[in-house]
Every structure is written in C-alpha cells, then in structure tokens.
Amino acid sequence: MRLIVGYLATPSGEDGLVLGVQLARSLDATLDICMVLPPDRAVPAEAHFEDLLAAKGRRWLADAAATVPSDIRTEVHLSFSESFSAGLLDEAARLDADAIVIGGAKDGLLGRHSLGSVSTELLHSAPIPLALAPFGYRKSGADRIREVTAALGTRQGADLVLRTAVRSCERMHTSLRLLSLVPLDDMSGMDVRRDTGNEALAIEHARTLHDSARKGLPDGLTVTSSVADGSTVEAAVESLSWEDGDVVVVGSSRLAQPRRLFLGSTASKMLRVLPVPMVVVPATEFLPETGSSDSTEAS
C-alpha cells in the first residue's frame, strides 16, 4: 500500500506530512513524499534555473524525509508541472498510490480546515481517497490513528462509506465510531428541524447501522454509535467529542463521476468546524484487496 503526501516546505506541508506519517504507520503503508514545482520559465541567460530549483527541491524533500520516523518506509519524488494538483495526480498514477494526503490552506484557523486551490481541485478530480489535515495538525502528538468515525446518512452510498471505514479499521486495528446525521439530512427539499420524531429516527438509524456493522466483524473490533444532534450540521459536529488521532471518513457527493471525488454539501459543512482530519472516498469503492466497484453518494 502506498500513500502520497503532496508536500511543500510550508506549515501546511508539514501538516500533511504529520497526517501521512500517522496513516502510513497505522496502515503499514509506504509513504511517498511528493513535491511538484513549476516548470522552467527562465530566459536563456538563466538556462540552469530549473536545475537550481530542482536542487533546492531535493534539499527540501531530504529535510522532510529526515523528520519521518525510521519505522516508516519512505520515498521522495520531485516533478515539474504547471499545476500542483495535476502533477500530484500524475505522480499518484505513476506510483499506483492508494490515497493522497495534503494539508490545509495556510490562511485557515488553527485546528480547523481551510480549502485552498490545490485541495479544492483535488476534491473535484481525484480518483483515489483524499485525506485532509486541518491547519496546525503538525502539532499533533498522536503517533497513529486512534479511531475512525464513519459519517453516514440515509442516502444511497452510505454502505460504501461503512465498508471502507470498517475494513480500514481492520487493517489499522483501531476502533470504529458510526456517526448518524439523519436529523440533518435534507428530506423532500425541506429543512429538518429538531423534534422528537426526527431524533427517534436518528437513534433508530444509528442502531441499525451499528447492528449491520457488527455482522461479520472479527472479535475485538470495537464499534460504537453516535447521533449528531443540532440545529445545523456545524452545530451537530461541534457537539461531538474528538481526540487527537481521530479521523472522519465521508463519501463523495452523488454528483461525483465514477472514480472521482466531489465533496457534498453536508461534508462541506462538516469540514468548516471539524478539528480532526477528514478522508473523502471517491464514487467507487476504495480498499486494498477489494475488487467491487459501487457508486456512492454524499453521506
């Protein structure tokens, strides 16, 4: 298994690298640190500009690799492209990577997500899962993933997110939390307000998901359920407890093309206040040793 970190020698680059290390250790994966630099636009008198830039890039990569613990298999890669996101996708295809990891935009609030141009482009085009680190994640003290939260709704595709999260937990030997967002779903185009009926529906939905997830799981895998209760998606997410080392798994929007990411409205709202990394899976099932190909929708 291979994980690509889209790296620049910036604080957000360090955020992504720290998350990449945690995921690589948890998944027993090779960590590929990839830097994409702009191609040479120098005038003839500066014909060696790209060579100088490449040399500097290699030094940055060497410095980054030196911060990775020795128990993580690590490789570094330098490429040139007009677009960082396009160059990163090319590297992912060349290396047959299983996921891409990046940090947030540098203007984000500490401990919160902020989408920049690169993350936005990847969230609309990547054919493999994308792991997003919140700004400031470089200060995380976790050495591996502590728990996976699967954010599940009532729409088609929730089972895909569940399967992805369950199998990831199996591989990482970590616990799974099922998060029900039923009270916040858009039912028949109308806003769903908090009432007894909706809350009861959410609780029942969470129990059903819990029972479904338990079937066929190996002994020892801890599975819990939570109901996000709040007047908005943001309020519901903020009402939950989160710890260092937690990650959230969400599905792509139903608008996503097969084998592509597209962040849905609920996941976008979650991202605004989520203090832990989010992993977005594409509209086709992703998992090591998984051969099925199912379409999915936003959870």
C-alpha atoms as a PDB file:
ATOM      1  CA  MET A   1       0.000   0.000   0.000  1.00  0.00           C
ATOM      2  CA  ARG A   2       1.270   3.498  -0.860  1.00  0.00           C
ATOM      3  CA  LEU A   3       0.242   6.902   0.460  1.00  0.00           C
ATOM      4  CA  ILE A   4       1.278  10.094  -1.324  1.00  0.00           C
ATOM      5  CA  VAL A   5       1.825  13.302   0.621  1.00  0.00           C
ATOM      6  CA  GLY A   6       1.623  16.433  -1.501  1.00  0.00           C
ATOM      7  CA  TYR A   7       4.470  18.345   0.115  1.00  0.00           C
ATOM      8  CA  LEU A   8       5.805  21.884   0.105  1.00  0.00           C
ATOM      9  CA  ALA A   9       8.267  23.310   2.628  1.00  0.00           C
ATOM     10  CA  THR A  10       5.481  25.256   4.356  1.00  0.00           C
ATOM     11  CA  PRO A  11       3.480  24.843   7.587  1.00  0.00           C
ATOM     12  CA  SER A  12       0.569  23.290   5.664  1.00  0.00           C
ATOM     13  CA  GLY A  13       3.049  20.910   4.007  1.00  0.00           C
ATOM     14  CA  GLU A  14       4.176  19.861   7.472  1.00  0.00           C
ATOM     15  CA  ASP A  15       0.522  19.363   8.494  1.00  0.00           C
ATOM     16  CA  GLY A  16       0.011  16.918   5.642  1.00  0.00           C
ATOM     17  CA  LEU A  17       3.272  15.117   6.363  1.00  0.00           C
ATOM     18  CA  VAL A  18       2.350  14.515  10.013  1.00  0.00           C
ATOM     19  CA  LEU A  19      -1.018  13.051   8.965  1.00  0.00           C
ATOM     20  CA  GLY A  20       0.721  10.967   6.303  1.00  0.00           C
ATOM     21  CA  VAL A  21       3.067   9.500   8.917  1.00  0.00           C
ATOM     22  CA  GLN A  22       0.153   8.593  11.193  1.00  0.00           C
ATOM     23  CA  LEU A  23      -1.760   6.934   8.355  1.00  0.00           C
ATOM     24  CA  ALA A  24       1.307   5.134   6.981  1.00  0.00           C
ATOM     25  CA  ARG A  25       2.185   3.677  10.375  1.00  0.00           C
ATOM     26  CA  SER A  26      -1.428   2.650  11.055  1.00  0.00           C
ATOM     27  CA  LEU A  27      -1.929   1.091   7.615  1.00  0.00           C
ATOM     28  CA  ASP A  28       1.609  -0.338   7.299  1.00  0.00           C
ATOM     29  CA  ALA A  29       1.981   1.642   4.076  1.00  0.00           C
ATOM     30  CA  THR A  30       4.873   3.174   2.190  1.00  0.00           C
ATOM     31  CA  LEU A  31       4.924   6.962   2.461  1.00  0.00           C
ATOM     32  CA  ASP A  32       5.750   8.793  -0.783  1.00  0.00           C
ATOM     33  CA  ILE A  33       6.630  12.444  -0.192  1.00  0.00           C
ATOM     34  CA  CYS A  34       5.956  14.227  -3.481  1.00  0.00           C
ATOM     35  CA  MET A  35       6.921  17.777  -4.350  1.00  0.00           C
ATOM     36  CA  VAL A  36       5.637  19.380  -7.554  1.00  0.00           C
ATOM     37  CA  LEU A  37       7.442  22.504  -8.755  1.00  0.00           C
ATOM     38  CA  PRO A  38       6.551  24.841 -11.625  1.00  0.00           C
ATOM     39  CA  PRO A  39       8.433  24.200 -14.875  1.00  0.00           C
ATOM     40  CA  ASP A  40      11.298  26.381 -16.016  1.00  0.00           C
ATOM     41  CA  ARG A  41      10.102  29.731 -17.407  1.00  0.00           C
ATOM     42  CA  ALA A  42      13.565  31.267 -17.322  1.00  0.00           C
ATOM     43  CA  VAL A  43      15.070  33.268 -20.165  1.00  0.00           C
ATOM     44  CA  PRO A  44      18.040  31.701 -21.997  1.00  0.00           C
ATOM     45  CA  ALA A  45      20.502  33.620 -19.832  1.00  0.00           C
ATOM     46  CA  GLU A  46      19.093  31.682 -16.880  1.00  0.00           C
ATOM     47  CA  ALA A  47      19.032  28.314 -18.622  1.00  0.00           C
ATOM     48  CA  HIS A  48      20.077  26.482 -15.470  1.00  0.00           C
ATOM     49  CA  PHE A  49      17.250  27.900 -13.350  1.00  0.00           C
ATOM     50  CA  GLU A  50      15.300  24.626 -13.356  1.00  0.00           C
ATOM     51  CA  ASP A  51      18.414  22.733 -12.277  1.00  0.00           C
ATOM     52  CA  LEU A  52      18.864  25.152  -9.386  1.00  0.00           C
ATOM     53  CA  LEU A  53      15.202  24.865  -8.439  1.00  0.00           C
ATOM     54  CA  ALA A  54      15.372  21.065  -8.624  1.00  0.00           C
ATOM     55  CA  ALA A  55      18.431  21.034  -6.368  1.00  0.00           C
ATOM     56  CA  LYS A  56      16.591  23.174  -3.832  1.00  0.00           C
ATOM     57  CA  GLY A  57      13.531  20.931  -4.107  1.00  0.00           C
ATOM     58  CA  ARG A  58      15.636  17.849  -3.429  1.00  0.00           C
ATOM     59  CA  ARG A  59      17.051  19.511  -0.317  1.00  0.00           C
ATOM     60  CA  TRP A  60      13.542  20.323   0.892  1.00  0.00           C
ATOM     61  CA  LEU A  61      12.495  16.725   0.303  1.00  0.00           C
ATOM     62  CA  ALA A  62      15.566  15.390   2.101  1.00  0.00           C
ATOM     63  CA  ASP A  63      14.790  17.622   5.073  1.00  0.00           C
ATOM     64  CA  ALA A  64      11.190  16.402   5.094  1.00  0.00           C
ATOM     65  CA  ALA A  65      12.202  12.747   4.882  1.00  0.00           C
ATOM     66  CA  ALA A  66      14.604  13.261   7.786  1.00  0.00           C
ATOM     67  CA  THR A  67      11.655  14.129  10.032  1.00  0.00           C
ATOM     68  CA  VAL A  68       9.855  10.848   9.280  1.00  0.00           C
ATOM     69  CA  PRO A  69      10.390   8.162  11.943  1.00  0.00           C
ATOM     70  CA  SER A  70      12.625   5.273  10.909  1.00  0.00           C
ATOM     71  CA  ASP A  71       9.808   2.696  11.162  1.00  0.00           C
ATOM     72  CA  ILE A  72       8.012   4.274   8.167  1.00  0.00           C
ATOM     73  CA  ARG A  73       9.051   3.171   4.670  1.00  0.00           C
ATOM     74  CA  THR A  74       9.659   6.479   2.910  1.00  0.00           C
ATOM     75  CA  GLU A  75      10.486   7.578  -0.624  1.00  0.00           C
ATOM     76  CA  VAL A  76      10.768  11.093  -2.059  1.00  0.00           C
ATOM     77  CA  HIS A  77       9.801  12.273  -5.533  1.00  0.00           C
ATOM     78  CA  LEU A  78      10.309  15.560  -7.361  1.00  0.00           C
ATOM     79  CA  SER A  79       8.391  16.504 -10.502  1.00  0.00           C
ATOM     80  CA  PHE A  80       7.538  19.602 -12.529  1.00  0.00           C
ATOM     81  CA  SER A  81       4.067  20.688 -13.618  1.00  0.00           C
ATOM     82  CA  GLU A  82       2.121  23.874 -14.317  1.00  0.00           C
ATOM     83  CA  SER A  83      -0.415  22.696 -11.749  1.00  0.00           C
ATOM     84  CA  PHE A  84       0.485  21.268  -8.330  1.00  0.00           C
ATOM     85  CA  SER A  85      -2.732  19.223  -8.188  1.00  0.00           C
ATOM     86  CA  ALA A  86      -2.324  17.885 -11.730  1.00  0.00           C
ATOM     87  CA  GLY A  87       1.299  16.998 -11.063  1.00  0.00           C
ATOM     88  CA  LEU A  88       0.289  15.245  -7.846  1.00  0.00           C
ATOM     89  CA  LEU A  89      -2.360  13.215  -9.663  1.00  0.00           C
ATOM     90  CA  ASP A  90       0.224  12.231 -12.282  1.00  0.00           C
ATOM     91  CA  GLU A  91       2.549  11.033  -9.508  1.00  0.00           C
ATOM     92  CA  ALA A  92      -0.296   9.133  -7.859  1.00  0.00           C
ATOM     93  CA  ALA A  93      -0.995   7.328 -11.127  1.00  0.00           C
ATOM     94  CA  ARG A  94       2.693   6.631 -11.776  1.00  0.00           C
ATOM     95  CA  LEU A  95       3.217   5.194  -8.299  1.00  0.00           C
ATOM     96  CA  ASP A  96      -0.153   3.408  -8.237  1.00  0.00           C
ATOM     97  CA  ALA A  97      -0.907   5.158  -4.947  1.00  0.00           C
ATOM     98  CA  ASP A  98      -3.862   4.194  -2.776  1.00  0.00           C
ATOM     99  CA  ALA A  99      -4.550   7.653  -1.321  1.00  0.00           C
ATOM    100  CA  ILE A 100      -3.367  11.270  -1.344  1.00  0.00           C
ATOM    101  CA  VAL A 101      -2.661  13.274   1.814  1.00  0.00           C
ATOM    102  CA  ILE A 102      -2.438  17.075   1.927  1.00  0.00           C
ATOM    103  CA  GLY A 103      -2.503  19.906   4.452  1.00  0.00           C
ATOM    104  CA  GLY A 104      -4.997  22.759   4.519  1.00  0.00           C
ATOM    105  CA  ALA A 105      -4.641  26.294   3.225  1.00  0.00           C
ATOM    106  CA  LYS A 106      -2.211  28.485   5.136  1.00  0.00           C
ATOM    107  CA  ASP A 107      -4.873  31.078   5.945  1.00  0.00           C
ATOM    108  CA  GLY A 108      -7.027  28.633   7.896  1.00  0.00           C
ATOM    109  CA  LEU A 109      -7.859  28.920  11.578  1.00  0.00           C
ATOM    110  CA  LEU A 110      -5.638  26.838  13.844  1.00  0.00           C
ATOM    111  CA  GLY A 111      -7.138  23.396  14.283  1.00  0.00           C
ATOM    112  CA  ARG A 112      -9.709  23.884  11.512  1.00  0.00           C
ATOM    113  CA  HIS A 113      -9.885  23.050   7.825  1.00  0.00           C
ATOM    114  CA  SER A 114      -9.481  25.629   5.085  1.00  0.00           C
ATOM    115  CA  LEU A 115      -9.622  24.652   1.434  1.00  0.00           C
ATOM    116  CA  GLY A 116      -7.116  26.228  -0.905  1.00  0.00           C
ATOM    117  CA  SER A 117      -6.888  25.928  -4.675  1.00  0.00           C
ATOM    118  CA  VAL A 118      -4.995  22.616  -4.564  1.00  0.00           C
ATOM    119  CA  SER A 119      -7.336  20.865  -2.127  1.00  0.00           C
ATOM    120  CA  THR A 120     -10.383  22.208  -3.982  1.00  0.00           C
ATOM    121  CA  GLU A 121      -9.102  20.902  -7.320  1.00  0.00           C
ATOM    122  CA  LEU A 122      -8.272  17.504  -5.825  1.00  0.00           C
ATOM    123  CA  LEU A 123     -11.710  17.309  -4.183  1.00  0.00           C
ATOM    124  CA  HIS A 124     -13.259  17.613  -7.633  1.00  0.00           C
ATOM    125  CA  SER A 125     -10.958  15.357  -9.600  1.00  0.00           C
ATOM    126  CA  ALA A 126      -9.012  12.788  -7.574  1.00  0.00           C
ATOM    127  CA  PRO A 127      -9.759   9.142  -8.427  1.00  0.00           C
ATOM    128  CA  ILE A 128      -8.499   7.875  -5.051  1.00  0.00           C
ATOM    129  CA  PRO A 129      -9.252   8.847  -1.426  1.00  0.00           C
ATOM    130  CA  LEU A 130      -8.046  12.244  -0.268  1.00  0.00           C
ATOM    131  CA  ALA A 131      -7.010  12.804   3.357  1.00  0.00           C
ATOM    132  CA  LEU A 132      -7.168  16.427   4.520  1.00  0.00           C
ATOM    133  CA  ALA A 133      -5.263  17.651   7.574  1.00  0.00           C
ATOM    134  CA  PRO A 134      -6.581  20.694   9.459  1.00  0.00           C
ATOM    135  CA  PHE A 135      -4.291  23.694   9.734  1.00  0.00           C
ATOM    136  CA  GLY A 136      -1.844  23.282  12.609  1.00  0.00           C
ATOM    137  CA  TYR A 137      -2.011  19.482  12.532  1.00  0.00           C
ATOM    138  CA  ARG A 138       1.788  19.396  12.594  1.00  0.00           C
ATOM    139  CA  LYS A 139       1.418  19.862  16.376  1.00  0.00           C
ATOM    140  CA  SER A 140      -0.492  16.584  16.753  1.00  0.00           C
ATOM    141  CA  GLY A 141       1.004  14.331  19.410  1.00  0.00           C
ATOM    142  CA  ALA A 142      -0.591  11.118  18.120  1.00  0.00           C
ATOM    143  CA  ASP A 143       1.756   8.565  16.595  1.00  0.00           C
ATOM    144  CA  ARG A 144      -1.007   6.680  14.787  1.00  0.00           C
ATOM    145  CA  ILE A 145      -4.744   6.795  14.089  1.00  0.00           C
ATOM    146  CA  ARG A 146      -6.720   6.366  17.318  1.00  0.00           C
ATOM    147  CA  GLU A 147     -10.264   5.954  15.981  1.00  0.00           C
ATOM    148  CA  VAL A 148     -12.151   6.147  12.679  1.00  0.00           C
ATOM    149  CA  THR A 149     -15.526   7.890  12.547  1.00  0.00           C
ATOM    150  CA  ALA A 150     -17.742   6.976   9.602  1.00  0.00           C
ATOM    151  CA  ALA A 151     -20.218   9.780   8.828  1.00  0.00           C
ATOM    152  CA  LEU A 152     -23.302   8.043   7.479  1.00  0.00           C
ATOM    153  CA  GLY A 153     -26.579   9.388   6.107  1.00  0.00           C
ATOM    154  CA  THR A 154     -29.702   7.809   4.685  1.00  0.00           C
ATOM    155  CA  ARG A 155     -28.873   8.212   1.014  1.00  0.00           C
ATOM    156  CA  GLN A 156     -27.507   5.544  -1.282  1.00  0.00           C
ATOM    157  CA  GLY A 157     -23.776   5.159  -0.807  1.00  0.00           C
ATOM    158  CA  ALA A 158     -23.699   5.119   2.997  1.00  0.00           C
ATOM    159  CA  ASP A 159     -22.940   1.399   2.853  1.00  0.00           C
ATOM    160  CA  LEU A 160     -19.831   2.167   0.796  1.00  0.00           C
ATOM    161  CA  VAL A 161     -18.522   4.566   3.433  1.00  0.00           C
ATOM    162  CA  LEU A 162     -19.287   1.980   6.103  1.00  0.00           C
ATOM    163  CA  ARG A 163     -17.418  -0.791   4.304  1.00  0.00           C
ATOM    164  CA  THR A 164     -14.448   1.481   3.676  1.00  0.00           C
ATOM    165  CA  ALA A 165     -14.286   2.538   7.322  1.00  0.00           C
ATOM    166  CA  VAL A 166     -14.740  -0.997   8.667  1.00  0.00           C
ATOM    167  CA  ARG A 167     -12.005  -2.507   6.527  1.00  0.00           C
ATOM    168  CA  SER A 168      -9.680   0.384   7.271  1.00  0.00           C
ATOM    169  CA  CYS A 169     -10.220  -0.223  10.985  1.00  0.00           C
ATOM    170  CA  GLU A 170      -9.474  -3.896  10.492  1.00  0.00           C
ATOM    171  CA  ARG A 171      -6.200  -3.048   8.810  1.00  0.00           C
ATOM    172  CA  MET A 172      -5.279  -0.406  11.385  1.00  0.00           C
ATOM    173  CA  HIS A 173      -6.501  -2.416  14.398  1.00  0.00           C
ATOM    174  CA  THR A 174      -8.415   0.580  15.697  1.00  0.00           C
ATOM    175  CA  SER A 175     -11.964   1.282  16.860  1.00  0.00           C
ATOM    176  CA  LEU A 176     -14.865   2.486  14.712  1.00  0.00           C
ATOM    177  CA  ARG A 177     -17.487   5.094  15.547  1.00  0.00           C
ATOM    178  CA  LEU A 178     -20.637   5.284  13.440  1.00  0.00           C
ATOM    179  CA  LEU A 179     -21.947   8.833  13.180  1.00  0.00           C
ATOM    180  CA  SER A 180     -25.574   9.302  12.190  1.00  0.00           C
ATOM    181  CA  LEU A 181     -26.508  12.600  10.543  1.00  0.00           C
ATOM    182  CA  VAL A 182     -30.144  11.704   9.925  1.00  0.00           C
ATOM    183  CA  PRO A 183     -31.668  14.760  11.677  1.00  0.00           C
ATOM    184  CA  LEU A 184     -29.632  16.985   9.370  1.00  0.00           C
ATOM    185  CA  ASP A 185     -30.483  15.334   6.081  1.00  0.00           C
ATOM    186  CA  ASP A 186     -32.481  17.337   3.558  1.00  0.00           C
ATOM    187  CA  MET A 187     -35.799  15.482   3.441  1.00  0.00           C
ATOM    188  CA  SER A 188     -38.007  16.328   0.445  1.00  0.00           C
ATOM    189  CA  GLY A 189     -36.178  19.616  -0.049  1.00  0.00           C
ATOM    190  CA  MET A 190     -37.245  20.982   3.359  1.00  0.00           C
ATOM    191  CA  ASP A 191     -35.131  21.938   6.360  1.00  0.00           C
ATOM    192  CA  VAL A 192     -35.331  19.321   9.079  1.00  0.00           C
ATOM    193  CA  ARG A 193     -35.824  20.887  12.470  1.00  0.00           C
ATOM    194  CA  ARG A 194     -35.075  19.148  15.694  1.00  0.00           C
ATOM    195  CA  ASP A 195     -38.125  17.343  17.032  1.00  0.00           C
ATOM    196  CA  THR A 196     -38.910  14.115  18.827  1.00  0.00           C
ATOM    197  CA  GLY A 197     -39.771  12.233  15.643  1.00  0.00           C
ATOM    198  CA  ASN A 198     -36.564  13.123  13.832  1.00  0.00           C
ATOM    199  CA  GLU A 199     -34.447  12.395  16.896  1.00  0.00           C
ATOM    200  CA  ALA A 200     -36.092   8.986  17.298  1.00  0.00           C
ATOM    201  CA  LEU A 201     -35.456   8.272  13.613  1.00  0.00           C
ATOM    202  CA  ALA A 202     -31.790   9.185  14.037  1.00  0.00           C
ATOM    203  CA  ILE A 203     -31.367   6.935  17.047  1.00  0.00           C
ATOM    204  CA  GLU A 204     -33.049   4.031  15.285  1.00  0.00           C
ATOM    205  CA  HIS A 205     -30.898   4.614  12.188  1.00  0.00           C
ATOM    206  CA  ALA A 206     -27.735   4.597  14.296  1.00  0.00           C
ATOM    207  CA  ARG A 207     -28.785   1.352  15.948  1.00  0.00           C
ATOM    208  CA  THR A 208     -29.462  -0.242  12.572  1.00  0.00           C
ATOM    209  CA  LEU A 209     -26.042   0.831  11.296  1.00  0.00           C
ATOM    210  CA  HIS A 210     -24.424  -0.471  14.461  1.00  0.00           C
ATOM    211  CA  ASP A 211     -26.091  -3.864  14.091  1.00  0.00           C
ATOM    212  CA  SER A 212     -25.172  -4.020  10.391  1.00  0.00           C
ATOM    213  CA  ALA A 213     -21.549  -3.124  11.059  1.00  0.00           C
ATOM    214  CA  ARG A 214     -21.229  -5.758  13.757  1.00  0.00           C
ATOM    215  CA  LYS A 215     -22.157  -8.560  11.370  1.00  0.00           C
ATOM    216  CA  GLY A 216     -19.139 -10.487  10.150  1.00  0.00           C
ATOM    217  CA  LEU A 217     -16.605  -8.355  12.034  1.00  0.00           C
ATOM    218  CA  PRO A 218     -13.714 -10.049  13.755  1.00  0.00           C
ATOM    219  CA  ASP A 219     -13.829 -10.293  17.525  1.00  0.00           C
ATOM    220  CA  GLY A 220     -12.038  -7.460  19.249  1.00  0.00           C
ATOM    221  CA  LEU A 221     -13.100  -4.640  16.919  1.00  0.00           C
ATOM    222  CA  THR A 222     -14.855  -2.000  18.993  1.00  0.00           C
ATOM    223  CA  VAL A 223     -17.850  -0.380  17.282  1.00  0.00           C
ATOM    224  CA  THR A 224     -19.864   2.457  18.831  1.00  0.00           C
ATOM    225  CA  SER A 225     -22.620   4.747  17.550  1.00  0.00           C
ATOM    226  CA  SER A 226     -23.239   8.470  17.958  1.00  0.00           C
ATOM    227  CA  VAL A 227     -26.093  10.705  16.859  1.00  0.00           C
ATOM    228  CA  ALA A 228     -25.079  14.214  15.815  1.00  0.00           C
ATOM    229  CA  ASP A 229     -27.798  16.393  17.363  1.00  0.00           C
ATOM    230  CA  GLY A 230     -28.007  20.076  16.492  1.00  0.00           C
ATOM    231  CA  SER A 231     -29.898  22.715  14.553  1.00  0.00           C
ATOM    232  CA  THR A 232     -27.222  22.746  11.830  1.00  0.00           C
ATOM    233  CA  VAL A 233     -24.569  20.374  10.556  1.00  0.00           C
ATOM    234  CA  GLU A 234     -21.893  22.592  12.053  1.00  0.00           C
ATOM    235  CA  ALA A 235     -23.577  22.658  15.472  1.00  0.00           C
ATOM    236  CA  ALA A 236     -24.019  18.892  15.423  1.00  0.00           C
ATOM    237  CA  VAL A 237     -20.370  18.240  14.609  1.00  0.00           C
ATOM    238  CA  GLU A 238     -19.220  20.648  17.308  1.00  0.00           C
ATOM    239  CA  SER A 239     -21.370  18.811  19.866  1.00  0.00           C
ATOM    240  CA  LEU A 240     -19.329  15.631  19.447  1.00  0.00           C
ATOM    241  CA  SER A 241     -16.154  14.730  21.293  1.00  0.00           C
ATOM    242  CA  TRP A 242     -12.954  14.466  19.278  1.00  0.00           C
ATOM    243  CA  GLU A 243      -9.481  13.340  20.312  1.00  0.00           C
ATOM    244  CA  ASP A 244      -6.019  13.652  18.823  1.00  0.00           C
ATOM    245  CA  GLY A 245      -5.542  10.846  16.311  1.00  0.00           C
ATOM    246  CA  ASP A 246      -9.203  10.637  15.241  1.00  0.00           C
ATOM    247  CA  VAL A 247     -10.171  10.765  11.563  1.00  0.00           C
ATOM    248  CA  VAL A 248     -13.548  11.089   9.833  1.00  0.00           C
ATOM    249  CA  VAL A 249     -14.451   9.172   6.670  1.00  0.00           C
ATOM    250  CA  VAL A 250     -17.099  10.609   4.340  1.00  0.00           C
ATOM    251  CA  GLY A 251     -18.335   9.715   0.879  1.00  0.00           C
ATOM    252  CA  SER A 252     -18.381  11.750  -2.314  1.00  0.00           C
ATOM    253  CA  SER A 253     -21.484  13.575  -3.444  1.00  0.00           C
ATOM    254  CA  ARG A 254     -23.995  11.756  -5.624  1.00  0.00           C
ATOM    255  CA  LEU A 255     -22.971  14.294  -8.294  1.00  0.00           C
ATOM    256  CA  ALA A 256     -19.492  12.774  -8.482  1.00  0.00           C
ATOM    257  CA  GLN A 257     -18.433  10.995 -11.628  1.00  0.00           C
ATOM    258  CA  PRO A 258     -17.425   7.329 -11.223  1.00  0.00           C
ATOM    259  CA  ARG A 259     -13.941   7.015  -9.724  1.00  0.00           C
ATOM    260  CA  ARG A 260     -13.852  10.724  -8.864  1.00  0.00           C
ATOM    261  CA  LEU A 261     -14.261  12.830  -5.740  1.00  0.00           C
ATOM    262  CA  PHE A 262     -16.860  15.546  -5.305  1.00  0.00           C
ATOM    263  CA  LEU A 263     -17.473  16.949  -1.838  1.00  0.00           C
ATOM    264  CA  GLY A 264     -21.164  17.090  -0.956  1.00  0.00           C
ATOM    265  CA  SER A 265     -22.903  19.891   0.944  1.00  0.00           C
ATOM    266  CA  THR A 266     -23.076  18.033   4.273  1.00  0.00           C
ATOM    267  CA  ALA A 267     -19.396  17.087   4.182  1.00  0.00           C
ATOM    268  CA  SER A 268     -18.502  20.668   3.218  1.00  0.00           C
ATOM    269  CA  LYS A 269     -20.356  21.992   6.251  1.00  0.00           C
ATOM    270  CA  MET A 270     -18.686  19.410   8.488  1.00  0.00           C
ATOM    271  CA  LEU A 271     -15.297  20.472   7.174  1.00  0.00           C
ATOM    272  CA  ARG A 272     -15.791  24.055   8.369  1.00  0.00           C
ATOM    273  CA  VAL A 273     -15.755  23.074  12.044  1.00  0.00           C
ATOM    274  CA  LEU A 274     -14.122  19.647  12.117  1.00  0.00           C
ATOM    275  CA  PRO A 275     -10.978  19.692  14.313  1.00  0.00           C
ATOM    276  CA  VAL A 276      -9.629  16.352  13.023  1.00  0.00           C
ATOM    277  CA  PRO A 277      -8.584  15.052   9.577  1.00  0.00           C
ATOM    278  CA  MET A 278     -11.219  14.119   7.034  1.00  0.00           C
ATOM    279  CA  VAL A 279     -10.839  11.340   4.462  1.00  0.00           C
ATOM    280  CA  VAL A 280     -13.063  11.622   1.384  1.00  0.00           C
ATOM    281  CA  VAL A 281     -13.589   8.436  -0.610  1.00  0.00           C
ATOM    282  CA  PRO A 282     -14.423   8.567  -4.343  1.00  0.00           C
ATOM    283  CA  ALA A 283     -17.592   7.428  -6.055  1.00  0.00           C
ATOM    284  CA  THR A 284     -16.107   3.957  -6.481  1.00  0.00           C
ATOM    285  CA  GLU A 285     -15.194   1.706  -3.620  1.00  0.00           C
ATOM    286  CA  PHE A 286     -11.613   2.051  -2.456  1.00  0.00           C
ATOM    287  CA  LEU A 287      -9.903  -0.506  -0.319  1.00  0.00           C
ATOM    288  CA  PRO A 288      -6.876  -2.746  -0.521  1.00  0.00           C
ATOM    289  CA  GLU A 289      -7.856  -6.247  -1.582  1.00  0.00           C
ATOM    290  CA  THR A 290     -11.318  -5.085  -2.664  1.00  0.00           C
ATOM    291  CA  GLY A 291     -12.491  -5.812  -6.157  1.00  0.00           C
ATOM    292  CA  SER A 292     -16.048  -4.471  -6.196  1.00  0.00           C
ATOM    293  CA  SER A 293     -16.985  -1.201  -7.864  1.00  0.00           C
ATOM    294  CA  ASP A 294     -20.036   0.564  -6.433  1.00  0.00           C
ATOM    295  CA  SER A 295     -21.325   4.072  -6.942  1.00  0.00           C
ATOM    296  CA  THR A 296     -21.833   6.249  -3.888  1.00  0.00           C
ATOM    297  CA  GLU A 297     -23.442   9.471  -2.789  1.00  0.00           C
ATOM    298  CA  ALA A 298     -22.757  12.053  -0.150  1.00  0.00           C
ATOM    299  CA  SER A 299     -23.389  10.820   3.338  1.00  0.00           C
END
